[in-house]
Amino acid sequence: MENRFFAYTATLERPAAPRATQRWAAAQSHAHAFAATDRALVVLIENGGIDLDLAGLVDVLVKALPMGDLITDGMRRDLANFLQEKIRSLTDTLLESADLALNQFEKARPGHYDSVAVLRDGTASYDQLKAKLFDLSKAGKMIDLLILTHGGTDYISVGSGITGQKIRDMKAEFGRPLNLRSVYMMNCVGSSLNQAWIDAGAKTACGAIRNNYLPEPTTHFFWTDWQAGESFEAAATNAYRKTIGLMNGALRSFVSGLPLPGSSLLASQIDFEKLQFVIDSAPVIQGERSVTIASDNLSFTQSLGSSLATTVVPTGVVDAIAARTLSTEGEIASRATYRYVSPSSITLDPAHLSQQQNPAAPVIAGIAIADAIQIGLGAAAIAQAGISSISGSFSLTYDMAQRLLVNEARQAMPGSQTGKRKYSTRLFWIGEIKVGFADAEVIIEWEGNDYGEIGSAVIRKNIKNSTDWSGS
């Protein structure tokens, strides 16, 4: 069995490829008229099928809420189940087995596509994808590509991986642009690959601006609107908005019913679209964004408009930009980002970390905190904004590596019935950038026992030792 911890570490340590700059796409030089019977759909799906990971989404969501500390583990489970039922009521078989979920794509034939190819399990690889795109292009088919996998910056996580350079290499090897009409990606930071697909021949491409915490039901909504005749741009942005509306309504309804003082007031103050992880999940659309499922002509000239991008942002971000644009008094936002690529090598001494930090005890959970960080932390980023027209803010995001064991296997471990102790230590501290700015202490917390079994590491701002950023 592949050790996903090692694989995840290898992904983090891989040097980031240089981002391609926007340029006139000489790749778009071919011209050929197609008929509806010439359309082909290719779906690249990671092993295991579609996984909403609602429990993971709830964890991120609760941490982002002001009242998050009041939400118990039981309430989290109830919220995950509540969201599941809400999504199920709107998306039919999306929460069923992967085979049933994939039926929504198979049903597009013959009405919208002449052929539908699903690459999964042994066929979900770069070589298989390349071979399929080559075969369809040689056969004169016009291709729409859906990528339903995990990934990261300049990376699609299937087999040995797909990078922007590998995508561009397809065009070079094929000898001409591929017959790609559109590429829709649900993987994290998919927008970092938009230009690579356009360089390879695609008319338009869409991917998340950063980590995508809302891959579904967003993809389901996109697919529904795309089949209904919406433009690629409208289908992608509307899908994101529909997911926000669904989650916002469901979350407010759930919180208002909690047995907590003032729960109705707390529910009314929830604004899902302004949460940082939601903003990170926004789609970025590039290329000829007006194409529809009925656009059967690849004859076009690259224009200035197709060199721009479309995304969805909260009005507060627009106001912050306008404050600087319209007035010299508006202050440019100050932003600092920190990424831990190898946490155990740049934090505290591992020998020191192998001692229980809080509360003090001679024995730790059989595993050093440095390793706990490596398991629980893929990347951490903090942002501090100081703009005269809006209040300051602090956000912290980190990637949770997948647990190696499923719940059933974890319960079979020798220490599953043993009580766990809690540990915590400072991870880093952000000091004042200048007078009027705030500071923050960021800590990491986890649970463990003497068998070496640990829970997922949680990273958060220590409110007790941090100042209020809203007044900065």
Protein backbone atom coordinates (compact mmCIF):
# COMPACT_ATOMS: atom_id res chain seq x y z
CA MET A 1 0.00 0.00 0.00
CA GLU A 2 1.30 3.43 -0.90
CA ASN A 3 2.17 5.61 2.09
CA ARG A 4 0.23 8.81 1.37
CA PHE A 5 2.19 10.72 3.98
CA PHE A 6 5.43 10.19 2.02
CA ALA A 7 3.68 10.95 -1.26
CA TYR A 8 2.27 14.18 0.17
CA THR A 9 5.71 15.19 1.45
CA ALA A 10 7.16 14.58 -2.01
CA THR A 11 4.48 16.79 -3.50
CA LEU A 12 5.30 19.63 -1.09
CA GLU A 13 9.04 19.36 -1.75
CA ARG A 14 8.64 19.44 -5.53
CA PRO A 15 10.00 22.77 -6.86
CA ALA A 16 7.24 25.02 -8.13
CA ALA A 17 7.30 25.46 -11.88
CA PRO A 18 7.47 29.01 -13.20
CA ARG A 19 4.03 30.44 -13.88
CA ALA A 20 3.41 31.21 -17.50
CA THR A 21 2.66 34.82 -18.29
CA GLN A 22 -0.35 35.86 -20.32
CA ARG A 23 0.48 36.21 -23.99
CA TRP A 24 -1.05 36.03 -27.44
CA ALA A 25 -1.79 32.36 -28.05
CA ALA A 26 -0.23 31.50 -31.40
CA ALA A 27 -1.48 27.97 -30.67
CA GLN A 28 -4.95 29.00 -31.81
CA SER A 29 -4.16 28.90 -35.51
CA HIS A 30 -6.28 25.97 -36.73
CA ALA A 31 -9.77 26.43 -38.14
CA HIS A 32 -12.28 23.65 -38.56
CA ALA A 33 -16.08 23.52 -38.40
CA PHE A 34 -17.58 20.74 -36.28
CA ALA A 35 -21.02 19.21 -35.94
CA ALA A 36 -22.73 18.13 -32.71
CA THR A 37 -21.98 14.49 -33.57
CA ASP A 38 -18.28 15.32 -33.46
CA ARG A 39 -18.25 16.37 -29.81
CA ALA A 40 -16.43 14.19 -27.27
CA LEU A 41 -16.40 14.38 -23.47
CA VAL A 42 -13.38 13.14 -21.48
CA VAL A 43 -13.61 12.79 -17.68
CA LEU A 44 -10.40 12.30 -15.67
CA ILE A 45 -11.27 11.08 -12.19
CA GLU A 46 -8.95 10.13 -9.35
CA ASN A 47 -9.06 6.66 -7.80
CA GLY A 48 -11.87 6.36 -5.29
CA GLY A 49 -14.37 8.44 -7.20
CA ILE A 50 -16.16 11.55 -6.02
CA ASP A 51 -15.62 12.35 -2.32
CA LEU A 52 -17.36 15.39 -0.85
CA ASP A 53 -15.40 15.07 2.45
CA LEU A 54 -18.13 16.94 4.29
CA ALA A 55 -16.47 16.19 7.64
CA GLY A 56 -13.33 17.97 6.45
CA LEU A 57 -15.37 20.87 5.12
CA VAL A 58 -17.18 21.19 8.44
CA ASP A 59 -13.86 21.29 10.31
CA VAL A 60 -12.63 24.17 8.14
CA LEU A 61 -16.00 25.89 8.39
CA VAL A 62 -16.25 25.69 12.19
CA LYS A 63 -12.73 27.10 12.60
CA ALA A 64 -13.74 30.08 10.47
CA LEU A 65 -16.88 30.91 12.45
CA PRO A 66 -16.75 33.40 15.36
CA MET A 67 -18.66 30.94 17.54
CA GLY A 68 -16.57 27.96 16.39
CA ASP A 69 -15.31 27.18 19.90
CA LEU A 70 -18.90 26.54 21.01
CA ILE A 71 -19.51 23.84 18.40
CA THR A 72 -19.05 20.39 19.97
CA ASP A 73 -17.93 17.24 18.14
CA GLY A 74 -21.50 15.99 18.18
CA MET A 75 -22.73 19.24 16.63
CA ARG A 76 -20.07 18.90 13.91
CA ARG A 77 -21.32 15.45 13.00
CA ASP A 78 -24.89 16.73 12.97
CA LEU A 79 -23.85 19.63 10.70
CA ALA A 80 -22.10 17.26 8.28
CA ASN A 81 -25.24 15.10 8.10
CA PHE A 82 -27.42 18.20 7.72
CA LEU A 83 -25.35 19.46 4.79
CA GLN A 84 -25.38 16.01 3.23
CA GLU A 85 -29.15 15.91 3.21
CA LYS A 86 -29.36 19.44 1.79
CA ILE A 87 -26.98 18.56 -1.04
CA ARG A 88 -28.72 15.24 -1.65
CA SER A 89 -32.07 16.99 -2.05
CA LEU A 90 -30.68 19.16 -4.85
CA THR A 91 -28.24 16.89 -6.68
CA ASP A 92 -29.97 13.50 -6.93
CA THR A 93 -27.24 10.81 -7.04
CA LEU A 94 -24.22 13.01 -6.32
CA LEU A 95 -23.80 11.52 -2.84
CA GLU A 96 -24.31 7.95 -3.99
CA SER A 97 -21.60 5.63 -5.33
CA ALA A 98 -19.01 6.93 -7.78
CA ASP A 99 -20.56 4.80 -10.54
CA LEU A 100 -23.97 6.40 -10.04
CA ALA A 101 -22.44 9.88 -9.83
CA LEU A 102 -20.64 9.32 -13.12
CA ASN A 103 -23.94 8.49 -14.78
CA GLN A 104 -24.64 12.22 -15.06
CA PHE A 105 -21.82 12.38 -17.61
CA GLU A 106 -22.71 9.16 -19.42
CA LYS A 107 -26.27 10.47 -19.90
CA ALA A 108 -24.90 13.33 -22.01
CA ARG A 109 -24.59 10.85 -24.89
CA PRO A 110 -26.05 11.02 -27.51
CA GLY A 111 -27.88 14.28 -26.83
CA HIS A 112 -24.81 16.48 -26.37
CA TYR A 113 -21.82 14.25 -27.19
CA ASP A 114 -21.04 11.51 -29.68
CA SER A 115 -18.73 9.80 -27.17
CA VAL A 116 -17.99 9.93 -23.43
CA ALA A 117 -14.71 8.54 -22.07
CA VAL A 118 -14.12 8.18 -18.32
CA LEU A 119 -10.48 7.67 -17.28
CA ARG A 120 -10.32 6.24 -13.77
CA ASP A 121 -8.48 3.60 -11.73
CA GLY A 122 -5.76 2.14 -14.01
CA THR A 123 -6.48 4.55 -16.87
CA ALA A 124 -6.27 7.76 -14.79
CA SER A 125 -2.75 8.81 -15.77
CA TYR A 126 -0.95 11.38 -17.88
CA ASP A 127 -0.07 8.84 -20.59
CA GLN A 128 -3.65 7.56 -20.85
CA LEU A 129 -5.05 11.09 -20.95
CA LYS A 130 -2.57 12.12 -23.60
CA ALA A 131 -3.35 9.04 -25.70
CA LYS A 132 -7.10 9.69 -25.47
CA LEU A 133 -6.75 13.38 -26.41
CA PHE A 134 -4.46 12.47 -29.33
CA ASP A 135 -6.86 9.80 -30.62
CA LEU A 136 -9.89 12.09 -30.44
CA SER A 137 -8.04 14.99 -32.07
CA LYS A 138 -6.83 12.76 -34.90
CA ALA A 139 -10.41 11.55 -35.36
CA GLY A 140 -11.56 15.16 -35.76
CA LYS A 141 -13.53 15.27 -32.49
CA MET A 142 -14.06 18.48 -30.50
CA ILE A 143 -13.21 17.74 -26.85
CA ASP A 144 -14.53 18.99 -23.51
CA LEU A 145 -12.36 17.85 -20.59
CA LEU A 146 -13.49 17.51 -16.95
CA ILE A 147 -10.76 16.96 -14.33
CA LEU A 148 -12.17 15.58 -11.06
CA THR A 149 -9.01 15.02 -9.02
CA HIS A 150 -6.88 16.46 -6.24
CA GLY A 151 -3.95 18.69 -7.08
CA GLY A 152 -1.95 21.79 -6.21
CA THR A 153 -0.03 24.63 -7.80
CA ASP A 154 0.92 23.56 -11.35
CA TYR A 155 -0.03 19.98 -10.54
CA ILE A 156 -2.83 17.45 -11.13
CA SER A 157 -2.61 14.48 -8.78
CA VAL A 158 -3.01 11.35 -10.91
CA GLY A 159 -0.39 8.65 -11.41
CA SER A 160 3.02 10.29 -11.79
CA GLY A 161 1.32 13.68 -11.91
CA ILE A 162 0.44 16.22 -14.61
CA THR A 163 2.18 19.61 -14.70
CA GLY A 164 1.82 22.66 -16.89
CA GLN A 165 4.92 21.68 -18.84
CA LYS A 166 3.55 18.20 -19.50
CA ILE A 167 0.35 19.77 -20.80
CA ARG A 168 2.30 22.03 -23.17
CA ASP A 169 4.40 19.06 -24.25
CA MET A 170 1.22 17.42 -25.60
CA LYS A 171 0.90 20.09 -28.28
CA ALA A 172 4.59 19.85 -29.16
CA GLU A 173 4.41 16.05 -29.48
CA PHE A 174 1.12 16.12 -31.39
CA GLY A 175 2.50 18.66 -33.83
CA ARG A 176 -0.45 21.02 -33.65
CA PRO A 177 -2.96 22.32 -31.09
CA LEU A 178 -5.27 19.69 -29.60
CA ASN A 179 -8.97 19.90 -30.45
CA LEU A 180 -9.83 21.01 -26.91
CA ARG A 181 -12.84 23.27 -26.59
CA SER A 182 -12.98 23.59 -22.77
CA VAL A 183 -11.22 22.33 -19.64
CA TYR A 184 -12.99 22.43 -16.24
CA MET A 185 -10.88 21.50 -13.19
CA MET A 186 -12.04 20.83 -9.62
CA ASN A 187 -8.50 20.27 -8.27
CA CYS A 188 -6.92 22.78 -5.89
CA VAL A 189 -5.18 25.78 -7.52
CA GLY A 190 -6.47 24.66 -10.91
CA SER A 191 -6.19 28.23 -12.19
CA SER A 192 -2.39 27.79 -12.21
CA LEU A 193 -2.89 25.41 -15.17
CA ASN A 194 -5.41 27.49 -17.15
CA GLN A 195 -2.81 29.06 -19.44
CA ALA A 196 -1.06 25.72 -20.03
CA TRP A 197 -4.29 24.20 -21.37
CA ILE A 198 -4.91 27.24 -23.56
CA ASP A 199 -1.34 26.99 -24.89
CA ALA A 200 -2.02 23.34 -25.71
CA GLY A 201 -5.07 24.27 -27.78
CA ALA A 202 -8.03 24.75 -25.43
CA LYS A 203 -10.38 27.63 -26.19
CA THR A 204 -11.18 28.17 -22.50
CA ALA A 205 -10.19 26.77 -19.10
CA CYS A 206 -11.36 27.13 -15.49
CA GLY A 207 -9.81 26.26 -12.13
CA ALA A 208 -9.93 27.40 -8.49
CA ILE A 209 -7.85 30.42 -7.56
CA ARG A 210 -6.33 28.64 -4.52
CA ASN A 211 -7.30 25.56 -2.50
CA ASN A 212 -10.74 24.36 -3.58
CA TYR A 213 -12.81 23.50 -0.52
CA LEU A 214 -16.05 23.38 -2.55
CA PRO A 215 -15.35 20.96 -5.43
CA GLU A 216 -18.86 19.61 -5.02
CA PRO A 217 -21.65 20.43 -5.43
CA THR A 218 -20.02 23.21 -7.50
CA THR A 219 -19.00 20.82 -10.28
CA HIS A 220 -22.49 19.32 -10.35
CA PHE A 221 -24.05 22.78 -10.71
CA PHE A 222 -21.54 23.68 -13.45
CA TRP A 223 -22.34 20.54 -15.40
CA THR A 224 -26.09 21.14 -15.11
CA ASP A 225 -25.85 24.74 -16.38
CA TRP A 226 -23.35 23.81 -19.12
CA GLN A 227 -25.73 21.17 -20.51
CA ALA A 228 -28.59 23.68 -20.31
CA GLY A 229 -26.78 25.96 -22.77
CA GLU A 230 -25.13 28.52 -20.45
CA SER A 231 -21.79 29.95 -21.56
CA PHE A 232 -18.68 28.40 -20.00
CA GLU A 233 -18.11 31.57 -17.97
CA ALA A 234 -21.71 31.78 -16.72
CA ALA A 235 -21.88 28.07 -15.88
CA ALA A 236 -18.68 28.26 -13.80
CA THR A 237 -19.49 31.47 -11.91
CA ASN A 238 -23.15 30.56 -11.36
CA ALA A 239 -22.14 27.16 -9.97
CA TYR A 240 -19.90 28.85 -7.40
CA ARG A 241 -22.67 31.28 -6.43
CA LYS A 242 -25.24 28.47 -6.15
CA THR A 243 -22.95 26.51 -3.84
CA ILE A 244 -22.45 29.59 -1.65
CA GLY A 245 -26.20 30.18 -1.51
CA LEU A 246 -26.85 26.54 -0.61
CA MET A 247 -24.19 26.47 2.12
CA ASN A 248 -25.11 29.88 3.53
CA GLY A 249 -28.79 28.98 3.87
CA ALA A 250 -28.07 25.54 5.30
CA LEU A 251 -25.51 26.89 7.79
CA ARG A 252 -27.80 29.66 9.06
CA SER A 253 -30.67 27.21 9.43
CA PHE A 254 -28.51 24.76 11.38
CA VAL A 255 -26.91 27.35 13.70
CA SER A 256 -30.25 28.99 14.51
CA GLY A 257 -31.47 25.63 15.82
CA LEU A 258 -28.50 24.97 18.10
CA PRO A 259 -29.13 24.88 21.87
CA LEU A 260 -26.89 27.90 22.41
CA PRO A 261 -27.74 31.33 23.85
CA GLY A 262 -28.31 33.84 21.04
CA SER A 263 -28.07 31.18 18.31
CA SER A 264 -30.55 33.06 16.09
CA LEU A 265 -28.47 36.24 16.29
CA LEU A 266 -25.30 34.28 15.54
CA ALA A 267 -26.98 32.65 12.54
CA SER A 268 -28.06 36.01 11.11
CA GLN A 269 -24.45 37.23 11.18
CA ILE A 270 -23.08 34.32 9.13
CA ASP A 271 -21.91 35.39 5.68
CA PHE A 272 -20.54 32.28 3.99
CA GLU A 273 -19.20 34.08 0.93
CA LYS A 274 -16.79 36.20 3.01
CA LEU A 275 -15.07 33.26 4.71
CA GLN A 276 -11.48 32.95 3.52
CA PHE A 277 -11.68 29.30 2.47
CA VAL A 278 -14.73 30.15 0.34
CA ILE A 279 -12.85 33.01 -1.35
CA ASP A 280 -9.96 30.61 -1.97
CA SER A 281 -12.34 28.27 -3.81
CA ALA A 282 -13.49 30.88 -6.35
CA PRO A 283 -13.20 29.89 -10.03
CA VAL A 284 -10.92 31.70 -12.48
CA ILE A 285 -12.01 31.49 -16.12
CA GLN A 286 -9.64 32.30 -18.99
CA GLY A 287 -9.78 32.16 -22.78
CA GLU A 288 -12.87 32.37 -24.98
CA ARG A 289 -15.28 32.33 -22.05
CA SER A 290 -18.44 32.78 -24.16
CA VAL A 291 -18.38 29.30 -25.71
CA THR A 292 -21.38 27.05 -25.01
CA ILE A 293 -22.03 23.34 -25.38
CA ALA A 294 -23.52 24.17 -28.79
CA SER A 295 -20.48 26.11 -30.03
CA ASP A 296 -19.36 23.84 -32.87
CA ASN A 297 -16.81 26.03 -34.63
CA LEU A 298 -13.20 26.28 -33.47
CA SER A 299 -12.43 28.99 -35.99
CA PHE A 300 -11.47 32.16 -34.06
CA THR A 301 -8.84 34.83 -33.64
CA GLN A 302 -7.22 35.47 -30.28
CA SER A 303 -8.44 38.83 -28.93
CA LEU A 304 -7.52 41.08 -26.05
CA GLY A 305 -10.70 39.99 -24.27
CA SER A 306 -9.58 36.34 -24.26
CA SER A 307 -6.32 37.33 -22.55
CA LEU A 308 -8.27 38.47 -19.50
CA ALA A 309 -9.72 36.38 -16.69
CA THR A 310 -13.04 36.27 -14.86
CA THR A 311 -13.51 35.40 -11.20
CA VAL A 312 -15.94 36.08 -8.33
CA VAL A 313 -14.88 38.14 -5.30
CA PRO A 314 -16.73 39.68 -2.32
CA THR A 315 -17.63 43.35 -2.64
CA GLY A 316 -15.29 44.14 0.27
CA VAL A 317 -12.32 43.19 -1.90
CA VAL A 318 -13.58 45.45 -4.69
CA ASP A 319 -14.04 48.29 -2.19
CA ALA A 320 -10.48 47.82 -0.98
CA ILE A 321 -9.15 48.10 -4.53
CA ALA A 322 -11.32 51.15 -5.20
CA ALA A 323 -10.04 52.87 -2.06
CA ARG A 324 -6.57 52.98 -3.54
CA THR A 325 -7.71 53.65 -7.10
CA LEU A 326 -9.94 56.63 -6.38
CA SER A 327 -8.00 58.30 -3.57
CA THR A 328 -4.34 58.84 -2.83
CA GLU A 329 -5.29 58.48 0.85
CA GLY A 330 -6.16 54.83 0.32
CA GLU A 331 -3.35 52.67 1.62
CA ILE A 332 -2.07 49.68 -0.34
CA ALA A 333 -2.82 46.42 1.46
CA SER A 334 0.11 44.87 3.29
CA ARG A 335 0.16 41.12 2.85
CA ALA A 336 2.68 38.55 4.00
CA THR A 337 2.57 34.86 3.15
CA TYR A 338 4.61 32.11 4.79
CA ARG A 339 4.84 28.55 3.46
CA TYR A 340 6.25 25.65 5.45
CA VAL A 341 7.63 23.17 2.93
CA SER A 342 9.48 21.02 5.45
CA PRO A 343 8.06 22.02 8.84
CA SER A 344 10.24 19.68 10.90
CA SER A 345 13.41 21.32 9.60
CA ILE A 346 12.53 24.95 10.28
CA THR A 347 10.49 24.89 13.48
CA LEU A 348 11.83 24.00 16.90
CA ASP A 349 14.44 21.37 17.64
CA PRO A 350 12.79 17.92 17.23
CA ALA A 351 14.39 16.73 20.49
CA HIS A 352 12.66 19.59 22.29
CA LEU A 353 9.42 18.92 20.48
CA SER A 354 9.43 15.27 21.53
CA GLN A 355 8.54 16.42 25.04
CA GLN A 356 4.94 17.05 25.93
CA GLN A 357 4.37 20.81 25.90
CA ASN A 358 1.01 21.29 27.60
CA PRO A 359 0.32 19.93 30.11
CA ALA A 360 3.77 18.85 31.22
CA ALA A 361 4.34 15.10 31.31
CA PRO A 362 7.39 12.86 30.81
CA VAL A 363 5.90 10.83 27.95
CA ILE A 364 4.60 12.13 24.61
CA ALA A 365 2.38 10.28 22.16
CA GLY A 366 5.22 8.26 20.68
CA ILE A 367 5.62 10.72 17.83
CA ALA A 368 7.48 14.02 17.66
CA ILE A 369 5.54 17.21 17.08
CA ALA A 370 7.69 17.82 14.00
CA ASP A 371 6.18 14.68 12.50
CA ALA A 372 2.73 15.75 13.66
CA ILE A 373 3.22 19.00 11.80
CA GLN A 374 4.41 17.12 8.72
CA ILE A 375 1.23 15.02 8.80
CA GLY A 376 -1.22 17.78 9.58
CA LEU A 377 0.27 20.75 7.78
CA GLY A 378 0.79 20.99 4.04
CA ALA A 379 1.09 24.74 3.80
CA ALA A 380 0.26 27.62 6.08
CA ALA A 381 -0.47 31.15 4.99
CA ILE A 382 -1.30 34.25 6.99
CA ALA A 383 -2.49 37.56 5.71
CA GLN A 384 -2.69 40.95 7.36
CA ALA A 385 -4.47 43.77 5.56
CA GLY A 386 -4.44 47.39 6.57
CA ILE A 387 -6.56 49.52 4.25
CA SER A 388 -8.05 52.79 5.39
CA SER A 389 -11.52 52.04 4.01
CA ILE A 390 -11.95 48.67 5.71
CA SER A 391 -10.88 47.02 8.95
CA GLY A 392 -7.81 44.84 9.18
CA SER A 393 -8.11 41.08 9.03
CA PHE A 394 -6.16 37.94 9.83
CA SER A 395 -6.62 34.64 8.02
CA LEU A 396 -4.86 31.31 8.46
CA THR A 397 -5.21 28.36 6.11
CA TYR A 398 -3.47 25.01 5.98
CA ASP A 399 -3.80 21.80 4.04
CA MET A 400 -4.82 18.67 5.93
CA ALA A 401 -3.00 15.62 4.56
CA GLN A 402 -5.23 12.59 4.09
CA ARG A 403 -5.32 10.11 6.97
CA LEU A 404 -3.72 6.80 6.04
CA LEU A 405 -6.35 4.69 7.83
CA VAL A 406 -10.10 4.71 7.43
CA ASN A 407 -12.23 4.88 10.59
CA GLU A 408 -12.79 1.11 10.67
CA ALA A 409 -9.08 0.37 10.50
CA ARG A 410 -8.31 3.07 13.05
CA GLN A 411 -10.70 1.47 15.55
CA ALA A 412 -8.78 -1.80 15.21
CA MET A 413 -5.51 -0.19 16.37
CA PRO A 414 -4.28 -1.26 19.83
CA GLY A 415 -4.61 2.21 21.30
CA SER A 416 -8.05 3.00 19.94
CA GLN A 417 -9.66 2.53 23.35
CA THR A 418 -6.86 4.32 25.22
CA GLY A 419 -7.37 7.86 26.40
CA LYS A 420 -5.47 10.58 24.56
CA ARG A 421 -3.68 13.58 25.99
CA LYS A 422 -3.69 17.03 24.42
CA TYR A 423 -0.50 18.79 23.32
CA SER A 424 0.22 22.26 21.98
CA THR A 425 3.15 24.52 21.21
CA ARG A 426 3.82 27.78 19.40
CA LEU A 427 4.37 27.35 15.68
CA PHE A 428 5.26 30.95 14.82
CA TRP A 429 4.56 34.55 15.80
CA ILE A 430 3.68 37.49 13.57
CA GLY A 431 4.82 40.79 15.04
CA GLU A 432 3.77 44.34 14.32
CA ILE A 433 4.64 45.35 10.77
CA LYS A 434 4.37 48.98 11.80
CA VAL A 435 2.55 51.14 14.34
CA GLY A 436 -1.20 50.44 14.33
CA PHE A 437 -0.85 46.90 13.02
CA ALA A 438 -1.68 43.84 15.09
CA ASP A 439 0.32 40.80 16.13
CA ALA A 440 -0.63 37.14 16.37
CA GLU A 441 0.65 33.94 17.95
CA VAL A 442 -0.09 30.82 15.90
CA ILE A 443 -0.08 27.50 17.72
CA ILE A 444 -0.43 23.85 16.73
CA GLU A 445 -2.53 21.42 18.78
CA TRP A 446 -2.98 17.67 18.60
CA GLU A 447 -3.95 14.63 20.65
CA GLY A 448 -1.95 11.44 21.12
CA ASN A 449 -1.38 8.35 23.23
CA ASP A 450 1.55 6.14 24.20
CA TYR A 451 0.94 3.86 21.21
CA GLY A 452 2.12 6.57 18.83
CA GLU A 453 -1.38 7.25 17.52
CA ILE A 454 -2.21 10.92 17.00
CA GLY A 455 -5.22 12.90 15.88
CA SER A 456 -5.16 15.47 13.11
CA ALA A 457 -3.05 18.50 13.95
CA VAL A 458 -5.03 21.73 14.28
CA ILE A 459 -3.36 25.08 13.68
CA ARG A 460 -4.99 28.27 14.93
CA LYS A 461 -4.39 31.76 16.21
CA ASN A 462 -3.99 31.84 19.98
CA ILE A 463 -6.57 34.49 20.86
CA LYS A 464 -5.22 34.93 24.40
CA ASN A 465 -1.79 36.05 23.15
CA SER A 466 -2.91 37.92 20.03
CA THR A 467 -4.39 41.36 19.44
CA ASP A 468 -7.62 42.27 17.70
CA TRP A 469 -6.91 42.57 13.98
CA SER A 470 -10.25 44.15 13.14
CA GLY A 471 -9.03 47.38 14.66
CA SER A 472 -5.66 47.39 12.92
